[in-house]
Amino acid sequence: MDQTFNQGHYRSARAFVDPARTAHYDLNHLLAYLRSGYPLLATSRANFPSPFTGHRSMGSLCYVTDGTRCWLDDLADHVQEHQLAIPDVWYAAIEAQRFQMPALTEA
């Protein structure tokens, strides 16, 4: 595997671990929000090792959206298990929506 992707131009997921920030999250509501995104695209999880453990697992990995942002469906797991912090602007937007997933329209 080409290690340039992980080591060259992109920061490790571990760079976004921030227990001080995640301690202020309304965690249960945030996790529910992240897990309720609308599916966009699915692929094999076997091709994407965990950024924290390096382990590959079976099943699918899905890109989801709230109509504004897109994320992988295992993001909630990383927030919960590893204190991965999401951008403050994104958290504020979710909080302003009272952690309710907006309805998507065809537009």
C-alpha atoms as a PDB file:
ATOM      1  CA  MET A   1       0.000   0.000   0.000  1.00  0.00           C
ATOM      2  CA  ASP A   2       1.237   3.477  -0.819  1.00  0.00           C
ATOM      3  CA  GLN A   3       1.981   5.145   2.534  1.00  0.00           C
ATOM      4  CA  THR A   4       2.096   8.614   0.959  1.00  0.00           C
ATOM      5  CA  PHE A   5      -1.613   9.046   1.657  1.00  0.00           C
ATOM      6  CA  ASN A   6      -1.196   8.495   5.385  1.00  0.00           C
ATOM      7  CA  GLN A   7       2.150  10.127   5.941  1.00  0.00           C
ATOM      8  CA  GLY A   8       2.557  12.795   3.306  1.00  0.00           C
ATOM      9  CA  HIS A   9      -0.191  15.317   2.867  1.00  0.00           C
ATOM     10  CA  TYR A  10      -2.885  14.271   5.326  1.00  0.00           C
ATOM     11  CA  ARG A  11      -2.975  14.419   9.091  1.00  0.00           C
ATOM     12  CA  SER A  12      -3.689  11.252  11.013  1.00  0.00           C
ATOM     13  CA  ALA A  13      -7.148  10.829  12.540  1.00  0.00           C
ATOM     14  CA  ARG A  14      -5.313  10.753  15.864  1.00  0.00           C
ATOM     15  CA  ALA A  15      -4.506  14.456  15.373  1.00  0.00           C
ATOM     16  CA  PHE A  16      -8.220  15.149  15.895  1.00  0.00           C
ATOM     17  CA  VAL A  17      -8.561  13.274  19.183  1.00  0.00           C
ATOM     18  CA  ASP A  18      -9.446  15.893  21.777  1.00  0.00           C
ATOM     19  CA  PRO A  19     -10.994  14.649  25.031  1.00  0.00           C
ATOM     20  CA  ALA A  20     -11.267  18.238  26.344  1.00  0.00           C
ATOM     21  CA  ARG A  21     -13.517  19.222  23.415  1.00  0.00           C
ATOM     22  CA  THR A  22     -15.547  16.028  23.304  1.00  0.00           C
ATOM     23  CA  ALA A  23     -16.205  16.264  27.054  1.00  0.00           C
ATOM     24  CA  HIS A  24     -18.466  19.232  26.277  1.00  0.00           C
ATOM     25  CA  TYR A  25     -20.501  17.374  23.673  1.00  0.00           C
ATOM     26  CA  ASP A  26     -24.088  16.365  24.273  1.00  0.00           C
ATOM     27  CA  LEU A  27     -22.739  12.950  23.382  1.00  0.00           C
ATOM     28  CA  ASN A  28     -25.890  10.819  23.189  1.00  0.00           C
ATOM     29  CA  HIS A  29     -27.652  13.319  20.960  1.00  0.00           C
ATOM     30  CA  LEU A  30     -24.587  13.862  18.777  1.00  0.00           C
ATOM     31  CA  LEU A  31     -24.048  10.131  18.298  1.00  0.00           C
ATOM     32  CA  ALA A  32     -27.706   9.650  17.362  1.00  0.00           C
ATOM     33  CA  TYR A  33     -27.402  12.482  14.830  1.00  0.00           C
ATOM     34  CA  LEU A  34     -24.250  11.089  13.248  1.00  0.00           C
ATOM     35  CA  ARG A  35     -25.818   7.622  13.040  1.00  0.00           C
ATOM     36  CA  SER A  36     -28.965   8.925  11.357  1.00  0.00           C
ATOM     37  CA  GLY A  37     -27.330  10.378   8.242  1.00  0.00           C
ATOM     38  CA  TYR A  38     -28.825   9.588   4.857  1.00  0.00           C
ATOM     39  CA  PRO A  39     -26.847   6.936   2.932  1.00  0.00           C
ATOM     40  CA  LEU A  40     -25.105   8.087  -0.233  1.00  0.00           C
ATOM     41  CA  LEU A  41     -22.670   5.364  -1.208  1.00  0.00           C
ATOM     42  CA  ALA A  42     -21.544   2.042   0.258  1.00  0.00           C
ATOM     43  CA  THR A  43     -18.398   0.023  -0.241  1.00  0.00           C
ATOM     44  CA  SER A  44     -16.553  -2.863   1.419  1.00  0.00           C
ATOM     45  CA  ARG A  45     -15.229  -2.083   4.896  1.00  0.00           C
ATOM     46  CA  ALA A  46     -12.403  -4.578   4.265  1.00  0.00           C
ATOM     47  CA  ASN A  47     -10.629  -2.009   2.101  1.00  0.00           C
ATOM     48  CA  PHE A  48     -10.481   0.599   4.856  1.00  0.00           C
ATOM     49  CA  PRO A  49      -8.593  -0.276   8.040  1.00  0.00           C
ATOM     50  CA  SER A  50      -9.504   1.570  11.221  1.00  0.00           C
ATOM     51  CA  PRO A  51      -7.469   4.766  11.537  1.00  0.00           C
ATOM     52  CA  PHE A  52      -7.023   3.980  15.230  1.00  0.00           C
ATOM     53  CA  THR A  53      -6.376   0.245  15.376  1.00  0.00           C
ATOM     54  CA  GLY A  54      -5.313  -0.555  11.821  1.00  0.00           C
ATOM     55  CA  HIS A  55      -7.657  -3.565  11.850  1.00  0.00           C
ATOM     56  CA  ARG A  56      -9.785  -4.402   8.865  1.00  0.00           C
ATOM     57  CA  SER A  57     -13.294  -5.672   9.416  1.00  0.00           C
ATOM     58  CA  MET A  58     -16.032  -7.214   7.323  1.00  0.00           C
ATOM     59  CA  GLY A  59     -19.244  -5.578   6.224  1.00  0.00           C
ATOM     60  CA  SER A  60     -19.978  -2.318   4.517  1.00  0.00           C
ATOM     61  CA  LEU A  61     -18.809   1.230   4.991  1.00  0.00           C
ATOM     62  CA  CYS A  62     -21.206   3.928   3.951  1.00  0.00           C
ATOM     63  CA  TYR A  63     -20.899   7.616   3.183  1.00  0.00           C
ATOM     64  CA  VAL A  64     -23.828   9.470   4.739  1.00  0.00           C
ATOM     65  CA  THR A  65     -25.041  13.058   4.664  1.00  0.00           C
ATOM     66  CA  ASP A  66     -27.299  15.541   6.371  1.00  0.00           C
ATOM     67  CA  GLY A  67     -27.663  17.485   3.140  1.00  0.00           C
ATOM     68  CA  THR A  68     -24.814  19.833   4.030  1.00  0.00           C
ATOM     69  CA  ARG A  69     -21.925  17.618   5.078  1.00  0.00           C
ATOM     70  CA  CYS A  70     -20.802  14.102   4.250  1.00  0.00           C
ATOM     71  CA  TRP A  71     -19.088  11.632   6.595  1.00  0.00           C
ATOM     72  CA  LEU A  72     -18.400   7.922   6.981  1.00  0.00           C
ATOM     73  CA  ASP A  73     -21.010   6.031   8.960  1.00  0.00           C
ATOM     74  CA  ASP A  74     -18.447   4.883  11.530  1.00  0.00           C
ATOM     75  CA  LEU A  75     -17.660   8.471  12.611  1.00  0.00           C
ATOM     76  CA  ALA A  76     -19.970   8.156  15.632  1.00  0.00           C
ATOM     77  CA  ASP A  77     -18.006   5.094  16.763  1.00  0.00           C
ATOM     78  CA  HIS A  78     -14.729   7.030  16.599  1.00  0.00           C
ATOM     79  CA  VAL A  79     -16.233   9.973  18.508  1.00  0.00           C
ATOM     80  CA  GLN A  80     -17.528   7.608  21.184  1.00  0.00           C
ATOM     81  CA  GLU A  81     -14.596   5.216  21.464  1.00  0.00           C
ATOM     82  CA  HIS A  82     -11.623   7.481  20.761  1.00  0.00           C
ATOM     83  CA  GLN A  83     -12.853  11.021  21.615  1.00  0.00           C
ATOM     84  CA  LEU A  84     -12.460  12.092  17.988  1.00  0.00           C
ATOM     85  CA  ALA A  85     -13.573  15.720  17.800  1.00  0.00           C
ATOM     86  CA  ILE A  86     -15.585  17.062  14.901  1.00  0.00           C
ATOM     87  CA  PRO A  87     -15.052  20.655  13.716  1.00  0.00           C
ATOM     88  CA  ASP A  88     -16.522  23.202  16.151  1.00  0.00           C
ATOM     89  CA  VAL A  89     -18.514  24.866  13.365  1.00  0.00           C
ATOM     90  CA  TRP A  90     -20.130  21.563  12.470  1.00  0.00           C
ATOM     91  CA  TYR A  91     -20.949  20.739  16.095  1.00  0.00           C
ATOM     92  CA  ALA A  92     -22.496  24.211  16.536  1.00  0.00           C
ATOM     93  CA  ALA A  93     -24.642  23.691  13.430  1.00  0.00           C
ATOM     94  CA  ILE A  94     -25.862  20.299  14.697  1.00  0.00           C
ATOM     95  CA  GLU A  95     -26.563  21.765  18.129  1.00  0.00           C
ATOM     96  CA  ALA A  96     -28.467  24.706  16.565  1.00  0.00           C
ATOM     97  CA  GLN A  97     -30.690  22.136  14.813  1.00  0.00           C
ATOM     98  CA  ARG A  98     -31.356  20.586  18.233  1.00  0.00           C
ATOM     99  CA  PHE A  99     -29.621  17.412  17.003  1.00  0.00           C
ATOM    100  CA  GLN A 100     -32.465  16.758  14.551  1.00  0.00           C
ATOM    101  CA  MET A 101     -31.530  15.397  11.149  1.00  0.00           C
ATOM    102  CA  PRO A 102     -33.067  17.713   8.556  1.00  0.00           C
ATOM    103  CA  ALA A 103     -35.370  16.285   5.935  1.00  0.00           C
ATOM    104  CA  LEU A 104     -33.760  15.985   2.537  1.00  0.00           C
ATOM    105  CA  THR A 105     -35.464  17.048  -0.635  1.00  0.00           C
ATOM    106  CA  GLU A 106     -34.678  15.981  -4.157  1.00  0.00           C
ATOM    107  CA  ALA A 107     -33.214  19.430  -4.782  1.00  0.00           C
END
